[in-house]
Amino acid sequence: MARHLITSAIPYINGIKHLGNLVGSQLPADLFARYLRGRGHEVLFLCATDEHGTPAELAAAKAGKPVEQYCAEMHEIQAEIAKGFRLSFDHFGRSSSPQNHRLTQHFAGRLAEAGLIEEVSEKQVYSNADGRFLPDRYIEGTCPNCGYDKARGDQCENCTKQLDPTDLIEPRSAVSGSTDLEVRETRHLYLRQSSMRDELNAWIDAKKDWPILTTSIARKWLNDGDGLQDRGITRDLDWGVPVKKGEADWPGMEGKVFYVWFDAPIEYIACSQEWVDAGKGDDWERWWRTDKGAEDVTYTQFMGKDNVPFHTLSFPATILGSGEPWKLVDYIKSFNYLNYDGGQFSTSQGRGVFMDQALDILPADYWRWWLLSHAPESSDSEFTWENFQASVNKDLADVLGNFVSRVTKFCRSKFGEEVPAGGTFGAEETALIETLTTRIRAYEGHMEAMEVRKSANELRAIWVAGNEYLQSAAPWATFKDDPEKAAAQVRLALNLIRLYAVLSAPFIPDASAAMLKSMQTEDDQWPEDVGAALETLAPGHGFTVPDVLFAKITDEAREDWQTRFSGTRD
């Protein structure tokens, strides 16, 4: 049994996330966590809400609530939606937790002792219209690198180039739209990332098995232009982790907080402390400290490509720079963007289908299957209602759902509601077992490599193999001349339902549970020996005919949803 630590990029607190956010981090992380648990490994799967910074302040102000109250309420909402999508977090924490405050301040103190933090007098943009300093991400303008006209002051989301607000062409306040901006002097702390460039470069170069998407973005930040730049880690805000050097005050930094991108990744570690403090675990350090048991942990992070620079460079710089034996990430699985019906999903613009809306119209499995089987791994992918309808109807309803329905209903009509006795497996059954063995081993390989779309394709092929066998064996025809042989065919098919439940659980957990329930078994043992697995349900074992696993999406429903989600969210 191996030990796996899994984290998915933590979502911002300011509102409900869209399906693009879901498939870019949390959902594939859940797929991997469920698969590893199914294989008997020890897994700690963590996520949290990212609650600091201006986005939270502005969203709270818009809602007319104190920021602490707003964040608490939104955390509960996001946690409930995560449960709705069956995201199997061991803990869903909060970056505003006391644990994260302490740990962030601890890391800052260690970095200061190591000479990796510098106090810098800098010029920062002040909005006269808003009466406040504007954080980098709340200044918009045209990117000097690619010409994108909605680039933010910290990073252009179009070309991913790291920016400073003063780099932007025709900057404006993202809060009020005002161009009445002026530059004022203030003092901030900077993480001296540039001094760690060689160490980070060597670390990235050693990751030969990482996705090209991940390493190419990291190398771009390390080597383009002047190379890796030092990064400001404090802000002039009220809401956030107060700047301290460990437990001590930091002279000259009174009233400032740590930059959200400094404290947010540290929440991955703090979240495990929250997990223990919530009574769910008993030792968080064995997952994170290599001097306390974490040397045998494999740590995997899941995220969208826009988060890659901070997880490949800034967070590792924090970990390495501390000089303490913290666990570094072993593998970063990054994703491109999921686009929506000819454009982009956008939380800020309310464009696309959001997680709560999706669950209002269809159960989680429908969305899980489509999103994972179309995950934007090698390139951006696009959600269209036509493709969603076709995929659900063909894969889930016609292939898997129809198989379960046909087998159970036929058995009930001819043999009753129990696994039939009689007959023996012949050449066709042996060939099927060989085919399934080959495909299941391939499925395992893709899942272990985190090749999400290939895994979905292989699982679909495993379902198809059962259908092809059923069509070829045709027990309804066999029964007329050889009931014993038909009994063996149906017995195999009923066992296939249990097998499908086990294999499909990472993708469609609710349907998996429904299949196991209809087969009246809790045996979810992974099929190491496929032949033996297909004899798990012995003659005489009872079953029930389940309700329809997946209802088809009608043209009328698809057209209605297409119209309903064509505009922007209120």
Protein backbone atom coordinates (compact mmCIF):
# COMPACT_ATOMS: atom_id res chain seq x y z
CA MET A 1 0.00 0.00 0.00
CA ALA A 2 1.45 3.34 -1.09
CA ARG A 3 0.72 6.74 0.46
CA HIS A 4 -0.59 9.51 -1.77
CA LEU A 5 -1.08 13.17 -0.91
CA ILE A 6 -3.34 14.92 -3.42
CA THR A 7 -4.26 18.60 -3.60
CA SER A 8 -6.34 20.48 -6.14
CA ALA A 9 -5.97 24.20 -6.74
CA ILE A 10 -8.01 26.00 -4.14
CA PRO A 11 -10.92 28.01 -5.58
CA TYR A 12 -11.46 31.68 -4.85
CA ILE A 13 -14.19 32.44 -2.37
CA ASN A 14 -15.82 35.13 -4.53
CA GLY A 15 -18.75 33.24 -5.97
CA ILE A 16 -19.69 29.85 -7.32
CA LYS A 17 -17.29 28.34 -9.83
CA HIS A 18 -18.10 27.28 -13.39
CA LEU A 19 -17.57 23.88 -15.00
CA GLY A 20 -14.23 24.99 -16.45
CA ASN A 21 -12.89 25.50 -12.94
CA LEU A 22 -14.23 22.11 -11.90
CA VAL A 23 -12.57 20.12 -14.70
CA GLY A 24 -9.32 22.08 -14.39
CA SER A 25 -8.45 20.89 -10.90
CA GLN A 26 -10.95 19.46 -8.42
CA LEU A 27 -12.67 16.83 -10.58
CA PRO A 28 -9.58 15.11 -12.05
CA ALA A 29 -7.99 15.21 -8.59
CA ASP A 30 -11.07 13.42 -7.24
CA LEU A 31 -10.87 10.86 -10.06
CA PHE A 32 -7.27 10.07 -9.11
CA ALA A 33 -8.02 9.96 -5.38
CA ARG A 34 -10.97 7.60 -5.88
CA TYR A 35 -8.95 5.33 -8.14
CA LEU A 36 -6.05 5.09 -5.67
CA ARG A 37 -8.41 4.35 -2.78
CA GLY A 38 -10.05 1.67 -4.92
CA ARG A 39 -6.65 0.05 -5.38
CA GLY A 40 -6.16 -0.02 -1.61
CA HIS A 41 -3.71 2.86 -1.21
CA GLU A 42 -3.68 5.36 1.65
CA VAL A 43 -4.84 8.74 0.34
CA LEU A 44 -5.09 12.22 1.84
CA PHE A 45 -7.06 14.46 -0.56
CA LEU A 46 -7.18 18.12 0.43
CA CYS A 47 -8.76 21.30 -0.89
CA ALA A 48 -9.91 24.60 0.59
CA THR A 49 -11.36 27.99 -0.24
CA ASP A 50 -8.93 30.79 -1.08
CA GLU A 51 -10.38 33.61 1.01
CA HIS A 52 -7.94 36.51 1.13
CA GLY A 53 -7.30 39.51 -1.06
CA THR A 54 -9.37 42.08 -2.84
CA PRO A 55 -11.70 39.62 -4.64
CA ALA A 56 -13.14 38.61 -1.27
CA GLU A 57 -13.39 42.20 -0.05
CA LEU A 58 -15.18 43.40 -3.18
CA ALA A 59 -17.55 40.43 -3.33
CA ALA A 60 -18.45 40.97 0.33
CA ALA A 61 -19.05 44.67 -0.27
CA LYS A 62 -21.27 43.86 -3.24
CA ALA A 63 -23.24 41.43 -1.06
CA GLY A 64 -23.50 44.04 1.71
CA LYS A 65 -21.86 41.78 4.28
CA PRO A 66 -18.74 41.90 6.48
CA VAL A 67 -15.97 40.05 4.70
CA GLU A 68 -15.62 37.44 7.47
CA GLN A 69 -19.32 36.61 7.30
CA TYR A 70 -19.32 36.52 3.50
CA CYS A 71 -16.36 34.12 3.40
CA ALA A 72 -17.90 31.80 6.00
CA GLU A 73 -21.16 31.63 4.08
CA MET A 74 -19.47 31.09 0.71
CA HIS A 75 -17.26 28.38 2.16
CA GLU A 76 -20.37 26.47 3.23
CA ILE A 77 -21.94 26.94 -0.20
CA GLN A 78 -18.81 25.75 -2.03
CA ALA A 79 -18.49 22.80 0.34
CA GLU A 80 -22.10 21.75 -0.32
CA ILE A 81 -21.65 22.04 -4.09
CA ALA A 82 -18.47 19.95 -3.84
CA LYS A 83 -20.47 17.27 -2.04
CA GLY A 84 -23.09 17.52 -4.79
CA PHE A 85 -20.43 16.66 -7.36
CA ARG A 86 -19.23 13.85 -5.08
CA LEU A 87 -15.78 15.39 -4.63
CA SER A 88 -14.29 13.11 -1.99
CA PHE A 89 -12.08 15.56 -0.09
CA ASP A 90 -10.75 14.26 3.19
CA HIS A 91 -10.98 17.87 4.29
CA PHE A 92 -12.18 21.08 2.66
CA GLY A 93 -10.44 23.84 4.54
CA ARG A 94 -10.18 27.63 4.59
CA SER A 95 -7.14 29.78 3.88
CA SER A 96 -8.42 32.22 6.53
CA SER A 97 -8.01 29.56 9.22
CA PRO A 98 -5.86 30.24 12.32
CA GLN A 99 -3.70 27.30 11.20
CA ASN A 100 -2.88 29.02 7.92
CA HIS A 101 -2.25 32.37 9.62
CA ARG A 102 0.33 30.77 11.91
CA LEU A 103 2.01 28.71 9.20
CA THR A 104 2.21 31.60 6.73
CA GLN A 105 3.82 33.80 9.37
CA HIS A 106 6.17 30.93 10.26
CA PHE A 107 7.35 30.55 6.66
CA ALA A 108 7.85 34.30 6.34
CA GLY A 109 10.04 34.26 9.45
CA ARG A 110 12.13 31.36 8.17
CA LEU A 111 12.59 33.03 4.78
CA ALA A 112 13.64 36.27 6.47
CA GLU A 113 16.22 34.40 8.57
CA ALA A 114 17.57 32.84 5.38
CA GLY A 115 18.02 36.26 3.80
CA LEU A 116 15.36 35.56 1.17
CA ILE A 117 13.05 38.46 1.99
CA GLU A 118 13.89 42.01 1.09
CA GLU A 119 12.10 45.18 2.14
CA VAL A 120 11.54 47.33 -0.93
CA SER A 121 10.30 50.87 -1.32
CA GLU A 122 8.11 50.81 -4.37
CA LYS A 123 5.62 52.81 -6.27
CA GLN A 124 2.11 51.45 -6.19
CA VAL A 125 -1.01 52.48 -8.04
CA TYR A 126 -3.53 54.46 -6.01
CA SER A 127 -7.04 55.07 -7.31
CA ASN A 128 -8.35 58.49 -6.36
CA ALA A 129 -11.86 57.46 -7.39
CA ASP A 130 -11.79 54.39 -5.13
CA GLY A 131 -9.79 56.03 -2.34
CA ARG A 132 -7.41 53.09 -1.99
CA PHE A 133 -4.30 51.38 -3.25
CA LEU A 134 -5.23 48.92 -5.95
CA PRO A 135 -3.84 45.40 -5.76
CA ASP A 136 -2.20 44.31 -8.99
CA ARG A 137 -5.09 42.12 -10.11
CA TYR A 138 -7.52 45.04 -9.81
CA ILE A 139 -5.74 47.14 -12.36
CA GLU A 140 -6.61 46.30 -15.95
CA GLY A 141 -5.13 47.41 -19.22
CA THR A 142 -3.50 46.21 -22.41
CA CYS A 143 -0.74 43.61 -22.13
CA PRO A 144 2.56 44.95 -23.53
CA ASN A 145 3.54 41.42 -24.51
CA CYS A 146 0.52 40.13 -26.47
CA GLY A 147 -1.85 43.10 -26.77
CA TYR A 148 -4.70 41.47 -24.79
CA ASP A 149 -6.88 44.39 -23.63
CA LYS A 150 -8.08 42.88 -20.35
CA ALA A 151 -4.73 41.95 -18.86
CA ARG A 152 -4.47 42.24 -15.09
CA GLY A 153 -1.71 44.02 -13.24
CA ASP A 154 -0.23 40.78 -11.90
CA GLN A 155 -0.50 38.49 -14.90
CA CYS A 156 -1.94 38.38 -18.40
CA GLU A 157 -4.34 35.44 -18.47
CA ASN A 158 -4.04 35.36 -22.27
CA CYS A 159 -0.27 34.81 -22.57
CA THR A 160 0.40 34.04 -18.84
CA LYS A 161 3.24 36.59 -18.69
CA GLN A 162 3.97 37.92 -15.21
CA LEU A 163 3.33 41.67 -15.12
CA ASP A 164 3.55 44.71 -12.89
CA PRO A 165 0.71 47.26 -13.01
CA THR A 166 3.05 49.89 -14.41
CA ASP A 167 3.72 47.60 -17.39
CA LEU A 168 0.11 47.90 -18.58
CA ILE A 169 -0.85 50.17 -21.45
CA GLU A 170 -3.77 52.50 -20.64
CA PRO A 171 -4.35 51.13 -17.11
CA ARG A 172 -7.69 51.54 -15.36
CA SER A 173 -9.26 50.52 -12.07
CA ALA A 174 -11.04 47.18 -12.31
CA VAL A 175 -13.19 48.32 -9.37
CA SER A 176 -14.61 51.53 -10.78
CA GLY A 177 -13.21 51.69 -14.30
CA SER A 178 -11.58 55.00 -13.44
CA THR A 179 -8.38 56.02 -15.17
CA ASP A 180 -7.73 58.60 -12.44
CA LEU A 181 -4.82 56.64 -11.07
CA GLU A 182 -1.61 57.88 -9.56
CA VAL A 183 1.53 56.22 -8.36
CA ARG A 184 2.38 56.57 -4.66
CA GLU A 185 5.29 55.26 -2.66
CA THR A 186 4.86 52.43 -0.15
CA ARG A 187 7.07 49.71 1.34
CA HIS A 188 6.62 46.00 0.80
CA LEU A 189 8.33 42.68 1.36
CA TYR A 190 9.68 40.77 -1.63
CA LEU A 191 10.53 37.10 -1.87
CA ARG A 192 13.96 36.93 -3.51
CA GLN A 193 13.02 34.24 -6.01
CA SER A 194 15.75 35.33 -8.40
CA SER A 195 18.44 34.18 -5.96
CA MET A 196 16.92 30.68 -6.12
CA ARG A 197 16.66 30.55 -9.90
CA ASP A 198 19.41 27.95 -10.40
CA GLU A 199 18.03 25.68 -7.67
CA LEU A 200 14.50 25.93 -9.10
CA ASN A 201 15.79 25.38 -12.63
CA ALA A 202 17.59 22.20 -11.59
CA TRP A 203 14.48 21.01 -9.75
CA ILE A 204 12.27 21.55 -12.82
CA ASP A 205 14.85 19.91 -15.13
CA ALA A 206 14.76 16.80 -12.94
CA LYS A 207 11.01 16.38 -13.54
CA LYS A 208 11.31 14.35 -16.74
CA ASP A 209 7.85 12.78 -16.42
CA TRP A 210 5.88 16.01 -15.91
CA PRO A 211 3.41 17.19 -18.57
CA ILE A 212 4.99 19.45 -21.18
CA LEU A 213 2.31 22.04 -20.36
CA THR A 214 3.60 22.25 -16.79
CA THR A 215 7.34 22.40 -17.47
CA SER A 216 7.07 24.72 -20.48
CA ILE A 217 5.22 27.35 -18.42
CA ALA A 218 7.74 27.03 -15.58
CA ARG A 219 10.71 27.37 -17.96
CA LYS A 220 9.11 30.36 -19.63
CA TRP A 221 8.95 32.18 -16.30
CA LEU A 222 12.49 31.06 -15.40
CA ASN A 223 14.18 32.01 -18.65
CA ASP A 224 12.18 34.51 -20.71
CA GLY A 225 13.45 38.08 -20.79
CA ASP A 226 15.30 38.88 -17.59
CA GLY A 227 14.35 35.52 -16.09
CA LEU A 228 12.70 34.81 -12.77
CA GLN A 229 11.81 38.00 -10.92
CA ASP A 230 11.53 38.68 -7.21
CA ARG A 231 7.92 38.73 -6.08
CA GLY A 232 6.11 41.08 -3.73
CA ILE A 233 4.49 39.09 -0.92
CA THR A 234 2.67 41.85 1.00
CA ARG A 235 -0.25 44.16 0.22
CA ASP A 236 -1.94 47.25 1.66
CA LEU A 237 -5.22 45.58 2.60
CA ASP A 238 -7.33 45.01 5.70
CA TRP A 239 -8.31 41.40 4.98
CA GLY A 240 -5.62 38.73 5.02
CA VAL A 241 -2.84 37.21 7.11
CA PRO A 242 -1.22 40.03 9.14
CA VAL A 243 2.47 40.44 8.35
CA LYS A 244 4.58 38.92 11.10
CA LYS A 245 8.03 37.39 11.32
CA GLY A 246 7.01 34.12 12.88
CA GLU A 247 5.30 35.20 16.12
CA ALA A 248 7.09 38.55 16.23
CA ASP A 249 5.88 41.87 14.85
CA TRP A 250 7.58 43.09 11.68
CA PRO A 251 8.60 46.75 12.15
CA GLY A 252 7.46 48.95 9.28
CA MET A 253 4.90 46.40 8.08
CA GLU A 254 2.11 47.38 10.45
CA GLY A 255 -1.34 47.26 8.87
CA LYS A 256 -0.18 45.16 5.92
CA VAL A 257 -1.13 41.59 5.04
CA PHE A 258 0.59 38.86 3.09
CA TYR A 259 -0.22 38.67 -0.60
CA VAL A 260 -2.89 36.06 -1.25
CA TRP A 261 -0.60 34.14 -3.60
CA PHE A 262 1.91 33.74 -0.79
CA ASP A 263 -0.51 32.36 1.79
CA ALA A 264 -2.84 30.37 -0.51
CA PRO A 265 -0.46 27.48 -1.36
CA ILE A 266 0.64 27.29 2.28
CA GLU A 267 -3.01 26.45 3.02
CA TYR A 268 -2.41 23.03 1.46
CA ILE A 269 -0.25 22.26 4.49
CA ALA A 270 -2.42 24.15 6.96
CA CYS A 271 -5.47 22.28 5.64
CA SER A 272 -3.97 19.04 6.91
CA GLN A 273 -3.66 20.64 10.36
CA GLU A 274 -7.33 21.65 10.10
CA TRP A 275 -8.11 18.02 9.16
CA VAL A 276 -6.47 16.81 12.38
CA ASP A 277 -8.02 19.55 14.50
CA ALA A 278 -11.45 18.61 13.11
CA GLY A 279 -10.94 15.12 14.49
CA LYS A 280 -10.63 13.45 11.08
CA GLY A 281 -6.96 12.51 11.32
CA ASP A 282 -4.31 12.07 13.98
CA ASP A 283 -0.99 13.12 12.43
CA TRP A 284 -0.64 15.74 9.71
CA GLU A 285 3.16 15.95 9.87
CA ARG A 286 3.63 12.41 8.55
CA TRP A 287 2.19 13.74 5.27
CA TRP A 288 4.25 16.93 5.05
CA ARG A 289 7.52 16.60 6.99
CA THR A 290 10.13 14.31 5.49
CA ASP A 291 11.74 14.04 8.94
CA LYS A 292 8.46 12.75 10.36
CA GLY A 293 7.35 10.11 7.87
CA ALA A 294 6.58 11.96 4.63
CA GLU A 295 9.60 10.60 2.76
CA ASP A 296 7.43 7.75 1.46
CA VAL A 297 4.55 10.04 0.36
CA THR A 298 3.88 10.75 -3.32
CA TYR A 299 2.50 14.28 -3.59
CA THR A 300 0.42 15.20 -6.66
CA GLN A 301 -1.11 18.60 -7.43
CA PHE A 302 -3.91 19.28 -9.95
CA MET A 303 -4.49 22.73 -11.45
CA GLY A 304 -5.33 24.84 -14.46
CA LYS A 305 -2.43 26.23 -16.48
CA ASP A 306 -2.88 29.75 -15.08
CA ASN A 307 -1.86 28.44 -11.63
CA VAL A 308 1.27 26.65 -12.81
CA PRO A 309 3.84 29.47 -12.30
CA PHE A 310 3.03 29.84 -8.62
CA HIS A 311 3.09 26.10 -7.95
CA THR A 312 6.28 25.37 -9.91
CA LEU A 313 8.24 28.40 -8.72
CA SER A 314 6.87 30.61 -5.93
CA PHE A 315 5.55 27.89 -3.61
CA PRO A 316 8.62 25.65 -4.09
CA ALA A 317 10.79 28.73 -3.42
CA THR A 318 8.93 29.17 -0.13
CA ILE A 319 9.35 25.49 0.79
CA LEU A 320 13.00 25.22 -0.25
CA GLY A 321 13.90 28.63 1.11
CA SER A 322 12.59 27.77 4.58
CA GLY A 323 15.45 25.32 5.01
CA GLU A 324 13.07 22.92 6.72
CA PRO A 325 12.28 19.33 5.63
CA TRP A 326 8.89 19.96 4.02
CA LYS A 327 7.52 17.67 1.33
CA LEU A 328 7.85 19.06 -2.20
CA VAL A 329 5.40 18.17 -4.94
CA ASP A 330 6.32 15.08 -6.96
CA TYR A 331 3.99 15.62 -9.92
CA ILE A 332 1.92 18.54 -11.18
CA LYS A 333 -0.96 17.64 -13.49
CA SER A 334 -1.98 20.80 -15.30
CA PHE A 335 -4.88 21.45 -17.63
CA ASN A 336 -5.68 23.79 -20.47
CA TYR A 337 -8.97 25.69 -20.59
CA LEU A 338 -12.47 24.39 -21.17
CA ASN A 339 -14.29 26.86 -23.40
CA TYR A 340 -18.03 27.34 -23.59
CA ASP A 341 -20.07 27.21 -26.78
CA GLY A 342 -17.83 29.32 -29.01
CA GLY A 343 -16.38 31.52 -26.25
CA GLN A 344 -14.84 31.34 -22.81
CA PHE A 345 -16.27 30.35 -19.48
CA SER A 346 -15.95 33.38 -17.23
CA THR A 347 -16.73 33.72 -13.54
CA SER A 348 -16.34 37.49 -13.63
CA GLN A 349 -18.65 37.82 -16.65
CA GLY A 350 -21.08 35.11 -15.54
CA ARG A 351 -20.71 33.23 -18.83
CA GLY A 352 -21.29 29.49 -19.05
CA VAL A 353 -22.76 26.83 -16.77
CA PHE A 354 -21.92 27.16 -13.09
CA MET A 355 -21.62 24.27 -10.68
CA ASP A 356 -24.86 24.92 -8.79
CA GLN A 357 -26.82 25.41 -12.02
CA ALA A 358 -25.43 22.15 -13.45
CA LEU A 359 -26.65 20.17 -10.43
CA ASP A 360 -30.05 21.81 -10.67
CA ILE A 361 -30.69 20.29 -14.08
CA LEU A 362 -28.88 16.91 -13.98
CA PRO A 363 -27.25 14.59 -11.42
CA ALA A 364 -23.49 14.78 -10.87
CA ASP A 365 -22.56 11.65 -12.84
CA TYR A 366 -23.76 13.13 -16.13
CA TRP A 367 -21.41 16.09 -15.69
CA ARG A 368 -18.55 14.08 -14.26
CA TRP A 369 -18.55 11.73 -17.22
CA TRP A 370 -18.66 14.40 -19.90
CA LEU A 371 -16.12 16.70 -18.25
CA LEU A 372 -13.59 13.96 -17.55
CA SER A 373 -13.97 12.26 -20.93
CA HIS A 374 -13.39 15.68 -22.57
CA ALA A 375 -10.76 16.98 -20.14
CA PRO A 376 -8.59 19.72 -21.70
CA GLU A 377 -5.27 17.95 -21.35
CA SER A 378 -3.23 18.40 -24.53
CA SER A 379 -5.15 21.47 -25.71
CA ASP A 380 -8.17 23.60 -24.87
CA SER A 381 -11.49 21.80 -25.30
CA GLU A 382 -15.01 23.11 -25.77
CA PHE A 383 -18.33 22.42 -24.15
CA THR A 384 -21.28 22.40 -26.52
CA TRP A 385 -24.76 21.26 -25.63
CA GLU A 386 -24.95 19.05 -28.74
CA ASN A 387 -21.77 17.20 -27.80
CA PHE A 388 -22.89 16.89 -24.18
CA GLN A 389 -26.24 15.40 -25.23
CA ALA A 390 -24.63 12.98 -27.70
CA SER A 391 -22.01 11.79 -25.23
CA VAL A 392 -24.46 11.24 -22.37
CA ASN A 393 -26.99 9.46 -24.57
CA LYS A 394 -24.48 7.21 -26.29
CA ASP A 395 -21.96 6.39 -23.57
CA LEU A 396 -24.05 6.44 -20.41
CA ALA A 397 -27.57 5.59 -21.58
CA ASP A 398 -27.04 3.38 -24.65
CA VAL A 399 -23.85 1.55 -23.67
CA LEU A 400 -23.72 1.23 -19.88
CA GLY A 401 -27.31 1.85 -18.81
CA ASN A 402 -28.80 -0.31 -21.53
CA PHE A 403 -26.49 -3.21 -20.68
CA VAL A 404 -27.54 -3.20 -17.03
CA SER A 405 -31.22 -2.94 -17.91
CA ARG A 406 -31.21 -5.70 -20.54
CA VAL A 407 -29.30 -8.19 -18.43
CA THR A 408 -31.30 -7.75 -15.22
CA LYS A 409 -34.71 -7.69 -16.93
CA PHE A 410 -33.96 -10.73 -19.07
CA CYS A 411 -32.69 -12.72 -16.08
CA ARG A 412 -35.75 -11.80 -14.04
CA SER A 413 -38.08 -12.93 -16.81
CA LYS A 414 -36.37 -16.29 -17.41
CA PHE A 415 -34.56 -17.25 -14.21
CA GLY A 416 -36.02 -15.02 -11.50
CA GLU A 417 -34.22 -12.43 -9.39
CA GLU A 418 -31.15 -14.47 -8.56
CA VAL A 419 -27.95 -15.44 -10.33
CA PRO A 420 -28.80 -18.58 -12.34
CA ALA A 421 -26.99 -21.90 -11.88
CA GLY A 422 -26.02 -24.28 -14.63
CA GLY A 423 -23.85 -24.31 -17.72
CA THR A 424 -20.15 -23.58 -18.07
CA PHE A 425 -18.14 -20.87 -19.73
CA GLY A 426 -17.05 -21.60 -23.27
CA ALA A 427 -14.77 -20.06 -25.90
CA GLU A 428 -16.75 -16.82 -26.13
CA GLU A 429 -16.59 -16.24 -22.38
CA THR A 430 -12.87 -17.05 -22.29
CA ALA A 431 -12.22 -14.60 -25.14
CA LEU A 432 -14.17 -11.89 -23.31
CA ILE A 433 -12.17 -12.45 -20.12
CA GLU A 434 -8.92 -12.12 -22.10
CA THR A 435 -10.15 -8.93 -23.77
CA LEU A 436 -11.28 -7.44 -20.49
CA THR A 437 -8.00 -8.36 -18.78
CA THR A 438 -6.01 -6.55 -21.47
CA ARG A 439 -8.27 -3.53 -21.35
CA ILE A 440 -8.40 -3.32 -17.55
CA ARG A 441 -4.60 -3.42 -17.34
CA ALA A 442 -4.49 -0.60 -19.92
CA TYR A 443 -7.11 1.32 -17.93
CA GLU A 444 -5.00 0.97 -14.79
CA GLY A 445 -1.95 2.25 -16.67
CA HIS A 446 -3.76 5.34 -17.93
CA MET A 447 -5.25 6.06 -14.51
CA GLU A 448 -1.88 5.76 -12.79
CA ALA A 449 -0.37 8.10 -15.39
CA MET A 450 -3.26 10.54 -14.82
CA GLU A 451 -4.18 10.38 -18.51
CA VAL A 452 -7.78 11.33 -17.93
CA ARG A 453 -9.23 11.16 -21.45
CA LYS A 454 -7.39 7.92 -22.26
CA SER A 455 -8.75 6.43 -19.04
CA ALA A 456 -12.30 7.41 -20.02
CA ASN A 457 -11.83 5.95 -23.50
CA GLU A 458 -10.59 2.67 -22.05
CA LEU A 459 -13.47 2.47 -19.57
CA ARG A 460 -15.94 3.10 -22.39
CA ALA A 461 -14.28 0.31 -24.38
CA ILE A 462 -14.68 -2.03 -21.39
CA TRP A 463 -18.41 -1.24 -21.33
CA VAL A 464 -18.63 -1.78 -25.09
CA ALA A 465 -16.94 -5.18 -24.80
CA GLY A 466 -19.75 -6.36 -22.53
CA ASN A 467 -22.39 -5.13 -24.97
CA GLU A 468 -20.68 -6.83 -27.87
CA TYR A 469 -20.54 -10.07 -25.92
CA LEU A 470 -24.24 -9.79 -25.06
CA GLN A 471 -25.14 -9.18 -28.70
CA SER A 472 -23.00 -12.08 -29.89
CA ALA A 473 -24.01 -14.55 -27.17
CA ALA A 474 -27.68 -13.52 -27.43
CA PRO A 475 -28.88 -15.41 -24.32
CA TRP A 476 -32.51 -14.68 -25.29
CA ALA A 477 -31.98 -16.81 -28.39
CA THR A 478 -29.76 -19.39 -26.66
CA PHE A 479 -32.43 -19.91 -23.98
CA LYS A 480 -34.84 -21.45 -26.48
CA ASP A 481 -32.52 -24.38 -27.29
CA ASP A 482 -30.04 -24.50 -24.43
CA PRO A 483 -31.24 -22.96 -21.13
CA GLU A 484 -28.13 -24.19 -19.31
CA LYS A 485 -25.82 -22.29 -21.65
CA ALA A 486 -28.04 -19.21 -21.43
CA ALA A 487 -27.77 -19.44 -17.62
CA ALA A 488 -23.96 -19.32 -17.83
CA GLN A 489 -24.12 -16.34 -20.21
CA VAL A 490 -26.46 -14.43 -17.92
CA ARG A 491 -24.40 -15.33 -14.85
CA LEU A 492 -21.34 -13.84 -16.51
CA ALA A 493 -23.30 -10.73 -17.54
CA LEU A 494 -24.61 -10.14 -14.00
CA ASN A 495 -21.06 -10.40 -12.70
CA LEU A 496 -20.05 -7.91 -15.36
CA ILE A 497 -22.43 -5.40 -13.77
CA ARG A 498 -20.58 -5.72 -10.47
CA LEU A 499 -17.27 -5.44 -12.31
CA TYR A 500 -18.43 -2.31 -14.12
CA ALA A 501 -19.53 -0.80 -10.83
CA VAL A 502 -16.04 -1.23 -9.39
CA LEU A 503 -14.18 0.04 -12.45
CA SER A 504 -16.53 2.97 -13.03
CA ALA A 505 -16.62 4.26 -9.46
CA PRO A 506 -13.90 6.93 -9.94
CA PHE A 507 -15.84 8.44 -12.86
CA ILE A 508 -19.50 7.93 -11.93
CA PRO A 509 -19.71 7.10 -8.21
CA ASP A 510 -23.50 7.33 -7.87
CA ALA A 511 -24.18 4.96 -10.76
CA SER A 512 -21.49 2.65 -9.39
CA ALA A 513 -23.25 2.56 -6.01
CA ALA A 514 -26.60 1.92 -7.74
CA MET A 515 -25.14 -1.03 -9.66
CA LEU A 516 -23.65 -2.58 -6.52
CA LYS A 517 -26.95 -2.10 -4.70
CA SER A 518 -28.93 -3.77 -7.48
CA MET A 519 -26.48 -6.69 -7.38
CA GLN A 520 -27.01 -6.79 -3.60
CA THR A 521 -23.31 -6.76 -2.83
CA GLU A 522 -20.84 -4.51 -1.06
CA ASP A 523 -17.91 -6.33 -2.64
CA ASP A 524 -16.02 -3.59 -4.47
CA GLN A 525 -12.74 -5.51 -4.66
CA TRP A 526 -10.57 -4.39 -7.58
CA PRO A 527 -10.34 -7.11 -10.30
CA GLU A 528 -6.72 -8.24 -10.12
CA ASP A 529 -7.87 -11.60 -11.60
CA VAL A 530 -10.65 -10.82 -14.07
CA GLY A 531 -11.78 -14.44 -14.44
CA ALA A 532 -12.18 -14.79 -10.67
CA ALA A 533 -13.91 -11.41 -10.46
CA LEU A 534 -16.53 -12.62 -12.92
CA GLU A 535 -17.47 -15.45 -10.58
CA THR A 536 -17.90 -13.24 -7.48
CA LEU A 537 -21.71 -13.44 -7.56
CA ALA A 538 -22.41 -17.13 -7.15
CA PRO A 539 -25.52 -19.02 -8.31
CA GLY A 540 -28.45 -18.22 -6.05
CA HIS A 541 -27.19 -14.74 -5.19
CA GLY A 542 -30.13 -12.32 -5.31
CA PHE A 543 -30.38 -9.10 -7.27
CA THR A 544 -32.96 -6.46 -8.17
CA VAL A 545 -33.66 -4.68 -11.42
CA PRO A 546 -32.45 -1.12 -10.85
CA ASP A 547 -34.18 2.06 -11.89
CA VAL A 548 -32.95 3.55 -15.14
CA LEU A 549 -29.30 4.43 -14.53
CA PHE A 550 -29.17 7.26 -17.05
CA ALA A 551 -32.12 8.96 -18.72
CA LYS A 552 -31.50 10.23 -22.22
CA ILE A 553 -31.33 13.97 -22.81
CA THR A 554 -34.14 14.96 -25.17
CA ASP A 555 -33.74 17.52 -27.94
CA GLU A 556 -36.30 19.70 -26.16
CA ALA A 557 -34.31 19.72 -22.91
CA ARG A 558 -31.05 20.41 -24.73
CA GLU A 559 -32.58 23.34 -26.64
CA ASP A 560 -34.05 24.73 -23.43
CA TRP A 561 -30.70 24.61 -21.62
CA GLN A 562 -28.89 26.02 -24.62
CA THR A 563 -31.19 29.04 -24.56
CA ARG A 564 -31.18 29.39 -20.78
CA PHE A 565 -27.37 29.49 -20.56
CA SER A 566 -26.67 31.53 -23.67
CA GLY A 567 -26.36 34.83 -21.81
CA THR A 568 -24.71 35.75 -18.56
CA ARG A 569 -25.48 34.81 -15.00
CA ASP A 570 -27.32 37.42 -12.93
